[in-house]
Each structure stands twice: as structure tokens, then as C-alpha cells.
Amino acid sequence: MKIEQIIRQKIEASFHPEYYELENESSKHSVPPGSETHFRLLVVSGHFAGLSRIDRQRQVNSVLAAELNGGVHALSQRALTPEEWEKTKDQFPMVSPECRGGSKSR
């Protein structure tokens, strides 16, 4: 099974999100074609109510520990409550920084 599919299954099962986006950004980095090493995640769930931003990220990282300790090199993430998402979704920039590693830094 592809890493992206595993991440999707784990996010859905653990957080029952009202909304989420998962993008494989590996093609923007110095990795072989078809790689699954760099991801961007936005997850909106009531599960995050009352938790700090750090605690939310820790929970996501805990759920995806096997993938983060395996082939996933980078995970850019935002974890929001439905209320936070409602207030910010129209002006929400979720853009990862440009790759500066590997051959792209030369």
C-alpha cells in the first residue's frame, strides 16, 4: 500500500475529520519520481478542541510515527478545530516553503 493511502487511513480513523487535505509534495524536492517523502496536511477535527497547537501536532505525529520514522522525510501540517476552520478557510494559505536541499541548493 502507498504511504499516502496509509496516512489517509490513519488520519480518518484517528481524528474523524470534518475536512482534510493531504498533498504529496515530493515532486517539488530532490527525490526520485514517484517518491512519497514530503507531505502537506491540513486536518480539521473536533478532536483538537481545547488542545494547543503543539499538542495537536504531537497527536498527528504520534498517529503517523511509523511513517515519520520510515520513508517520510517532511510533514508540513496544520490541525484546526471546525470553528477555527470556519473563521479562516477563505483566507487560509497552506503553502510549503521552497525546497532548498539536495541538488536544488546548487
C-alpha atoms as a PDB file:
ATOM      1  CA  MET A   1       0.000   0.000   0.000  1.00  0.00           C
ATOM      2  CA  LYS A   2       1.248   3.501  -0.787  1.00  0.00           C
ATOM      3  CA  ILE A   3       2.324   5.760   2.077  1.00  0.00           C
ATOM      4  CA  GLU A   4      -0.238   8.381   1.048  1.00  0.00           C
ATOM      5  CA  GLN A   5      -3.036   5.828   1.394  1.00  0.00           C
ATOM      6  CA  ILE A   6      -1.773   4.747   4.813  1.00  0.00           C
ATOM      7  CA  ILE A   7      -1.633   8.358   6.007  1.00  0.00           C
ATOM      8  CA  ARG A   8      -5.183   8.972   4.771  1.00  0.00           C
ATOM      9  CA  GLN A   9      -6.486   5.865   6.551  1.00  0.00           C
ATOM     10  CA  LYS A  10      -4.780   6.765   9.818  1.00  0.00           C
ATOM     11  CA  ILE A  11      -5.953  10.390   9.781  1.00  0.00           C
ATOM     12  CA  GLU A  12      -9.544   9.352   9.030  1.00  0.00           C
ATOM     13  CA  ALA A  13      -9.593   6.609  11.683  1.00  0.00           C
ATOM     14  CA  SER A  14      -7.889   8.645  14.411  1.00  0.00           C
ATOM     15  CA  PHE A  15      -9.400  12.110  14.015  1.00  0.00           C
ATOM     16  CA  HIS A  16     -12.667  11.598  12.089  1.00  0.00           C
ATOM     17  CA  PRO A  17     -12.029  14.904  10.310  1.00  0.00           C
ATOM     18  CA  GLU A  18     -14.779  17.145   9.053  1.00  0.00           C
ATOM     19  CA  TYR A  19     -12.332  18.184   6.358  1.00  0.00           C
ATOM     20  CA  TYR A  20      -8.757  17.427   5.427  1.00  0.00           C
ATOM     21  CA  GLU A  21      -6.265  17.875   2.632  1.00  0.00           C
ATOM     22  CA  LEU A  22      -3.225  15.722   2.064  1.00  0.00           C
ATOM     23  CA  GLU A  23      -0.803  16.579  -0.700  1.00  0.00           C
ATOM     24  CA  ASN A  24       2.272  14.624  -1.704  1.00  0.00           C
ATOM     25  CA  GLU A  25       4.794  17.409  -2.362  1.00  0.00           C
ATOM     26  CA  SER A  26       7.690  15.070  -3.065  1.00  0.00           C
ATOM     27  CA  SER A  27       7.886  16.084  -6.729  1.00  0.00           C
ATOM     28  CA  LYS A  28       8.912  19.584  -5.576  1.00  0.00           C
ATOM     29  CA  HIS A  29      12.038  18.149  -3.950  1.00  0.00           C
ATOM     30  CA  SER A  30      15.244  16.444  -4.984  1.00  0.00           C
ATOM     31  CA  VAL A  31      13.904  12.893  -4.842  1.00  0.00           C
ATOM     32  CA  PRO A  32      13.278  10.226  -7.489  1.00  0.00           C
ATOM     33  CA  PRO A  33       9.994  10.402  -9.425  1.00  0.00           C
ATOM     34  CA  GLY A  34       7.131   8.678  -7.621  1.00  0.00           C
ATOM     35  CA  SER A  35       8.625   9.254  -4.173  1.00  0.00           C
ATOM     36  CA  GLU A  36       6.479   9.649  -1.068  1.00  0.00           C
ATOM     37  CA  THR A  37       8.800  11.598   1.192  1.00  0.00           C
ATOM     38  CA  HIS A  38       7.306  15.095   1.600  1.00  0.00           C
ATOM     39  CA  PHE A  39       3.664  15.758   2.540  1.00  0.00           C
ATOM     40  CA  ARG A  40       1.445  18.716   3.398  1.00  0.00           C
ATOM     41  CA  LEU A  41      -1.506  18.014   5.702  1.00  0.00           C
ATOM     42  CA  LEU A  42      -4.436  20.130   6.802  1.00  0.00           C
ATOM     43  CA  VAL A  43      -6.832  18.364   9.155  1.00  0.00           C
ATOM     44  CA  VAL A  44      -9.989  19.850  10.673  1.00  0.00           C
ATOM     45  CA  SER A  45     -11.450  17.913  13.578  1.00  0.00           C
ATOM     46  CA  GLY A  46     -13.402  18.479  16.759  1.00  0.00           C
ATOM     47  CA  HIS A  47     -10.841  16.156  18.312  1.00  0.00           C
ATOM     48  CA  PHE A  48      -8.472  19.155  18.594  1.00  0.00           C
ATOM     49  CA  ALA A  49     -10.791  21.296  20.733  1.00  0.00           C
ATOM     50  CA  GLY A  50      -9.036  22.574  23.855  1.00  0.00           C
ATOM     51  CA  LEU A  51      -5.590  21.450  22.696  1.00  0.00           C
ATOM     52  CA  SER A  52      -2.653  23.750  21.996  1.00  0.00           C
ATOM     53  CA  ARG A  53      -1.156  23.857  18.513  1.00  0.00           C
ATOM     54  CA  ILE A  54       1.845  21.880  19.749  1.00  0.00           C
ATOM     55  CA  ASP A  55      -0.335  19.184  21.353  1.00  0.00           C
ATOM     56  CA  ARG A  56      -2.331  18.856  18.132  1.00  0.00           C
ATOM     57  CA  GLN A  57       0.844  18.387  16.117  1.00  0.00           C
ATOM     58  CA  ARG A  58       2.161  15.893  18.638  1.00  0.00           C
ATOM     59  CA  GLN A  59      -1.024  13.855  18.277  1.00  0.00           C
ATOM     60  CA  VAL A  60      -0.759  13.846  14.483  1.00  0.00           C
ATOM     61  CA  ASN A  61       2.927  12.926  14.706  1.00  0.00           C
ATOM     62  CA  SER A  62       2.106  10.120  17.135  1.00  0.00           C
ATOM     63  CA  VAL A  63      -0.532   8.667  14.793  1.00  0.00           C
ATOM     64  CA  LEU A  64       1.928   8.855  11.882  1.00  0.00           C
ATOM     65  CA  ALA A  65       5.016   7.779  13.869  1.00  0.00           C
ATOM     66  CA  ALA A  66       5.745   4.715  11.726  1.00  0.00           C
ATOM     67  CA  GLU A  67       5.648   6.760   8.529  1.00  0.00           C
ATOM     68  CA  LEU A  68       7.719   9.613  10.006  1.00  0.00           C
ATOM     69  CA  ASN A  69      10.308   7.122  11.244  1.00  0.00           C
ATOM     70  CA  GLY A  70      10.271   5.366   7.878  1.00  0.00           C
ATOM     71  CA  GLY A  71      10.207   6.939   4.439  1.00  0.00           C
ATOM     72  CA  VAL A  72       8.523  10.279   5.177  1.00  0.00           C
ATOM     73  CA  HIS A  73      11.173  12.981   5.407  1.00  0.00           C
ATOM     74  CA  ALA A  74       8.915  16.006   5.952  1.00  0.00           C
ATOM     75  CA  LEU A  75       5.343  16.655   7.058  1.00  0.00           C
ATOM     76  CA  SER A  76       4.046  20.211   6.964  1.00  0.00           C
ATOM     77  CA  GLN A  77       0.843  20.233   8.984  1.00  0.00           C
ATOM     78  CA  ARG A  78      -1.963  22.330  10.403  1.00  0.00           C
ATOM     79  CA  ALA A  79      -4.548  20.883  12.774  1.00  0.00           C
ATOM     80  CA  LEU A  80      -7.632  23.026  13.355  1.00  0.00           C
ATOM     81  CA  THR A  81     -10.978  22.764  15.086  1.00  0.00           C
ATOM     82  CA  PRO A  82     -14.089  23.177  12.904  1.00  0.00           C
ATOM     83  CA  GLU A  83     -14.664  26.616  14.468  1.00  0.00           C
ATOM     84  CA  GLU A  84     -11.141  27.767  13.622  1.00  0.00           C
ATOM     85  CA  TRP A  85     -11.525  26.459  10.094  1.00  0.00           C
ATOM     86  CA  GLU A  86     -14.842  28.276   9.585  1.00  0.00           C
ATOM     87  CA  LYS A  87     -13.216  31.559  10.583  1.00  0.00           C
ATOM     88  CA  THR A  88     -10.094  31.171   8.433  1.00  0.00           C
ATOM     89  CA  LYS A  89     -10.851  28.887   5.479  1.00  0.00           C
ATOM     90  CA  ASP A  90     -11.374  31.699   2.962  1.00  0.00           C
ATOM     91  CA  GLN A  91      -8.022  33.316   3.704  1.00  0.00           C
ATOM     92  CA  PHE A  92      -6.072  30.234   4.680  1.00  0.00           C
ATOM     93  CA  PRO A  93      -2.666  29.990   2.983  1.00  0.00           C
ATOM     94  CA  MET A  94      -1.268  26.488   3.364  1.00  0.00           C
ATOM     95  CA  VAL A  95       1.886  26.732   1.296  1.00  0.00           C
ATOM     96  CA  SER A  96       5.073  24.845   1.995  1.00  0.00           C
ATOM     97  CA  PRO A  97       8.429  26.612   1.634  1.00  0.00           C
ATOM     98  CA  GLU A  98      10.524  26.049  -1.468  1.00  0.00           C
ATOM     99  CA  CYS A  99      12.955  23.128  -1.299  1.00  0.00           C
ATOM    100  CA  ARG A 100      16.487  24.253  -0.515  1.00  0.00           C
ATOM    101  CA  GLY A 101      18.110  20.850  -0.063  1.00  0.00           C
ATOM    102  CA  GLY A 102      19.909  18.386  -2.274  1.00  0.00           C
ATOM    103  CA  SER A 103      20.656  19.416  -5.842  1.00  0.00           C
ATOM    104  CA  LYS A 104      18.218  22.362  -5.688  1.00  0.00           C
ATOM    105  CA  SER A 105      20.578  24.278  -3.405  1.00  0.00           C
ATOM    106  CA  ARG A 106      23.307  24.381  -6.067  1.00  0.00           C
END
